[in-house]
C-alpha atoms as a PDB file:
ATOM      1  CA  MET A   1     110.780  49.698 -10.566  1.00  0.00           C
ATOM      2  CA  ARG A   2     107.436  50.230  -8.858  1.00  0.00           C
ATOM      3  CA  HIS A   3     105.160  48.253 -11.134  1.00  0.00           C
ATOM      4  CA  SER A   4     101.772  47.400  -9.587  1.00  0.00           C
ATOM      5  CA  VAL A   5     102.651  48.867  -6.182  1.00  0.00           C
ATOM      6  CA  ALA A   6      99.616  50.744  -4.904  1.00  0.00           C
ATOM      7  CA  GLY A   7      99.347  53.154  -2.002  1.00  0.00           C
ATOM      8  CA  ARG A   8     101.701  55.576  -0.313  1.00  0.00           C
ATOM      9  CA  ASN A   9     104.092  54.748   2.503  1.00  0.00           C
ATOM     10  CA  PHE A  10     104.466  58.236   4.057  1.00  0.00           C
ATOM     11  CA  GLY A  11     107.851  57.182   5.451  1.00  0.00           C
ATOM     12  CA  ARG A  12     106.189  55.064   8.139  1.00  0.00           C
ATOM     13  CA  ASN A  13     106.035  51.388   8.934  1.00  0.00           C
ATOM     14  CA  CYS A  14     102.853  49.404   8.383  1.00  0.00           C
ATOM     15  CA  GLY A  15     101.267  49.797  11.818  1.00  0.00           C
ATOM     16  CA  HIS A  16     102.021  53.507  12.061  1.00  0.00           C
ATOM     17  CA  ARG A  17     100.660  54.140   8.556  1.00  0.00           C
ATOM     18  CA  LYS A  18      97.460  52.196   9.247  1.00  0.00           C
ATOM     19  CA  ALA A  19      96.909  54.099  12.512  1.00  0.00           C
ATOM     20  CA  LEU A  20      97.481  57.417  10.717  1.00  0.00           C
ATOM     21  CA  LEU A  21      94.895  56.633   8.040  1.00  0.00           C
ATOM     22  CA  ARG A  22      92.367  55.339  10.579  1.00  0.00           C
ATOM     23  CA  ASN A  23      92.771  58.493  12.665  1.00  0.00           C
ATOM     24  CA  LEU A  24      92.284  60.735   9.639  1.00  0.00           C
ATOM     25  CA  VAL A  25      89.157  58.890   8.485  1.00  0.00           C
ATOM     26  CA  THR A  26      87.707  58.991  12.008  1.00  0.00           C
ATOM     27  CA  SER A  27      88.390  62.730  12.244  1.00  0.00           C
ATOM     28  CA  LEU A  28      86.817  63.290   8.836  1.00  0.00           C
ATOM     29  CA  PHE A  29      83.579  61.634   9.929  1.00  0.00           C
ATOM     30  CA  GLU A  30      83.506  63.457  13.263  1.00  0.00           C
ATOM     31  CA  HIS A  31      84.260  66.944  11.909  1.00  0.00           C
ATOM     32  CA  GLN A  32      82.934  66.598   8.308  1.00  0.00           C
ATOM     33  CA  ARG A  33      86.014  68.518   7.110  1.00  0.00           C
ATOM     34  CA  ILE A  34      89.764  68.210   7.749  1.00  0.00           C
ATOM     35  CA  GLU A  35      92.914  69.926   6.548  1.00  0.00           C
ATOM     36  CA  THR A  36      95.907  67.742   5.768  1.00  0.00           C
ATOM     37  CA  THR A  37      98.584  67.296   3.126  1.00  0.00           C
ATOM     38  CA  VAL A  38      97.517  66.595  -0.445  1.00  0.00           C
ATOM     39  CA  SER A  39      99.038  63.101  -0.519  1.00  0.00           C
ATOM     40  CA  LYS A  40      97.289  62.085   2.713  1.00  0.00           C
ATOM     41  CA  ALA A  41      94.003  63.544   1.451  1.00  0.00           C
ATOM     42  CA  LYS A  42      94.264  61.559  -1.774  1.00  0.00           C
ATOM     43  CA  GLU A  43      94.959  58.379   0.170  1.00  0.00           C
ATOM     44  CA  ILE A  44      92.114  58.694   2.673  1.00  0.00           C
ATOM     45  CA  ARG A  45      89.597  59.862   0.084  1.00  0.00           C
ATOM     46  CA  SER A  46      89.301  56.361  -1.375  1.00  0.00           C
ATOM     47  CA  ILE A  47      89.035  54.771   2.077  1.00  0.00           C
ATOM     48  CA  ALA A  48      86.403  57.247   3.289  1.00  0.00           C
ATOM     49  CA  GLU A  49      84.315  56.900   0.124  1.00  0.00           C
ATOM     50  CA  LYS A  50      84.194  53.133   0.610  1.00  0.00           C
ATOM     51  CA  MET A  51      83.040  53.705   4.190  1.00  0.00           C
ATOM     52  CA  VAL A  52      80.302  56.091   3.021  1.00  0.00           C
ATOM     53  CA  THR A  53      79.159  53.473   0.495  1.00  0.00           C
ATOM     54  CA  LEU A  54      78.859  51.018   3.378  1.00  0.00           C
ATOM     55  CA  GLY A  55      76.940  53.672   5.307  1.00  0.00           C
ATOM     56  CA  VAL A  56      74.504  54.145   2.435  1.00  0.00           C
ATOM     57  CA  ARG A  57      73.944  50.388   2.384  1.00  0.00           C
ATOM     58  CA  GLY A  58      73.071  50.690   6.053  1.00  0.00           C
ATOM     59  CA  ASP A  59      72.672  47.067   7.144  1.00  0.00           C
ATOM     60  CA  GLN A  60      74.197  45.435  10.212  1.00  0.00           C
ATOM     61  CA  HIS A  61      77.085  43.866   8.315  1.00  0.00           C
ATOM     62  CA  ALA A  62      78.033  47.234   6.817  1.00  0.00           C
ATOM     63  CA  ARG A  63      77.987  48.820  10.286  1.00  0.00           C
ATOM     64  CA  ARG A  64      80.284  46.111  11.617  1.00  0.00           C
ATOM     65  CA  LYS A  65      82.692  46.519   8.681  1.00  0.00           C
ATOM     66  CA  VAL A  66      82.917  50.259   9.371  1.00  0.00           C
ATOM     67  CA  MET A  67      83.420  49.627  13.101  1.00  0.00           C
ATOM     68  CA  GLU A  68      86.435  47.445  12.253  1.00  0.00           C
ATOM     69  CA  TYR A  69      88.189  50.441  10.724  1.00  0.00           C
ATOM     70  CA  VAL A  70      86.885  53.588  12.448  1.00  0.00           C
ATOM     71  CA  TYR A  71      88.054  54.154  16.027  1.00  0.00           C
ATOM     72  CA  THR A  72      85.049  55.732  17.780  1.00  0.00           C
ATOM     73  CA  LYS A  73      81.410  54.726  17.969  1.00  0.00           C
ATOM     74  CA  GLN A  74      80.536  58.417  17.741  1.00  0.00           C
ATOM     75  CA  ALA A  75      82.091  58.609  14.250  1.00  0.00           C
ATOM     76  CA  VAL A  76      80.196  55.481  13.175  1.00  0.00           C
ATOM     77  CA  GLY A  77      76.959  57.023  14.422  1.00  0.00           C
ATOM     78  CA  ILE A  78      77.624  60.242  12.525  1.00  0.00           C
ATOM     79  CA  LEU A  79      78.374  58.268   9.375  1.00  0.00           C
ATOM     80  CA  PHE A  80      75.221  56.145   9.503  1.00  0.00           C
ATOM     81  CA  ASN A  81      72.810  58.753  10.921  1.00  0.00           C
ATOM     82  CA  ASP A  82      73.973  62.027   9.327  1.00  0.00           C
ATOM     83  CA  VAL A  83      76.239  61.453   6.341  1.00  0.00           C
ATOM     84  CA  ALA A  84      74.712  58.358   4.737  1.00  0.00           C
ATOM     85  CA  PRO A  85      71.125  59.717   4.450  1.00  0.00           C
ATOM     86  CA  ARG A  86      72.464  62.869   2.761  1.00  0.00           C
ATOM     87  CA  MET A  87      74.392  60.767   0.221  1.00  0.00           C
ATOM     88  CA  LYS A  88      71.588  58.297  -0.514  1.00  0.00           C
ATOM     89  CA  GLY A  89      70.916  59.226  -4.159  1.00  0.00           C
ATOM     90  CA  ARG A  90      74.510  60.028  -5.105  1.00  0.00           C
ATOM     91  CA  PRO A  91      76.326  57.345  -7.150  1.00  0.00           C
ATOM     92  CA  GLY A  92      79.748  58.163  -5.665  1.00  0.00           C
ATOM     93  CA  GLY A  93      82.089  61.114  -5.389  1.00  0.00           C
ATOM     94  CA  TYR A  94      81.106  61.958  -1.832  1.00  0.00           C
ATOM     95  CA  LEU A  95      84.225  63.996  -1.005  1.00  0.00           C
ATOM     96  CA  ARG A  96      85.824  67.135  -2.398  1.00  0.00           C
ATOM     97  CA  MET A  97      89.487  68.060  -2.111  1.00  0.00           C
ATOM     98  CA  MET A  98      90.518  71.722  -2.364  1.00  0.00           C
ATOM     99  CA  LYS A  99      94.176  72.682  -2.382  1.00  0.00           C
ATOM    100  CA  THR A 100      94.871  75.534   0.029  1.00  0.00           C
ATOM    101  CA  GLY A 101      98.521  76.386  -0.447  1.00  0.00           C
ATOM    102  CA  TYR A 102     101.724  75.422   1.293  1.00  0.00           C
ATOM    103  CA  ARG A 103     102.482  74.778   4.963  1.00  0.00           C
ATOM    104  CA  PRO A 104     104.911  77.376   6.335  1.00  0.00           C
ATOM    105  CA  GLY A 105     107.180  74.941   8.203  1.00  0.00           C
ATOM    106  CA  ASP A 106     108.166  72.477   5.501  1.00  0.00           C
ATOM    107  CA  CYS A 107     106.417  73.832   2.395  1.00  0.00           C
ATOM    108  CA  SER A 108     104.169  70.762   2.055  1.00  0.00           C
ATOM    109  CA  GLU A 109     101.185  71.239  -0.194  1.00  0.00           C
ATOM    110  CA  MET A 110      98.021  71.345   1.949  1.00  0.00           C
ATOM    111  CA  ALA A 111      94.413  70.530   1.106  1.00  0.00           C
ATOM    112  CA  ILE A 112      90.984  70.597   2.714  1.00  0.00           C
ATOM    113  CA  LEU A 113      89.012  67.376   2.410  1.00  0.00           C
ATOM    114  CA  GLU A 114      85.262  67.743   2.994  1.00  0.00           C
ATOM    115  CA  PHE A 115      81.952  66.229   2.019  1.00  0.00           C
ATOM    116  CA  VAL A 116      80.426  67.710  -1.136  1.00  0.00           C
ATOM    117  CA  ASP A 117      77.316  68.920   0.703  1.00  0.00           C
ATOM    118  CA  TYR A 118      79.272  70.407   3.609  1.00  0.00           C
ATOM    119  CA  VAL A 119      77.704  73.665   4.768  1.00  0.00           C
ATOM    120  CA  ARG A 120      80.004  75.913   6.697  1.00  0.00           C
ATOM    121  CA  LYS A 121      78.335  77.217   9.826  1.00  0.00           C
ATOM    122  CA  GLU A 122      78.867  80.959   9.944  1.00  0.00           C
ATOM    123  CA  PRO A 123      78.829  82.665  13.335  1.00  0.00           C
ATOM    124  CA  VAL A 124      75.650  84.610  13.955  1.00  0.00           C
ATOM    125  CA  ALA A 125      76.343  88.345  13.900  1.00  0.00           C
ATOM    126  CA  ALA A 126      74.883  90.530  16.610  1.00  0.00           C
ATOM    127  CA  PRO A 127      72.091  92.808  15.428  1.00  0.00           C
ATOM    128  CA  ALA A 128      73.327  96.240  14.423  1.00  0.00           C
ATOM    129  CA  THR A 129      72.778  99.033  16.891  1.00  0.00           C
ATOM    130  CA  GLU A 130      71.144 102.294  15.864  1.00  0.00           C
ATOM    131  CA  GLU A 131      74.495 104.085  15.840  1.00  0.00           C
ATOM    132  CA  GLU A 132      75.929 101.543  13.391  1.00  0.00           C
ATOM    133  CA  LYS A 133      72.865 101.878  11.163  1.00  0.00           C
ATOM    134  CA  LYS A 134      73.355 105.654  10.947  1.00  0.00           C
ATOM    135  CA  ALA A 135      77.051 105.376  10.112  1.00  0.00           C
END
């Protein structure tokens, strides 16, 4: 029986699993939005929300705690300079998970994990020419 056993193993050993989760959290901070399987998204959501809480706190100890887990200094900078100020007044629930369907190869359920205030940058359309305006 699995009483009081928390977390998912993902069929990996401890070091591989920890590296996977660290990579996903780092990518989430760098890109503000990632697509992964639902089980991985559920697992990293709790880790990333704790990191954002540390970012909102913003002191030197919090920065060092985040740097222990996140791989790149660029991701730490994005967290403390971009993400944390946007989440200042929010009491939690910094991330949103949207299920997107199934992966074609193995039929795994996929999800997009993004920050709740994520604004998708649309490409700027070229101005319409006079011929297009007439049509």
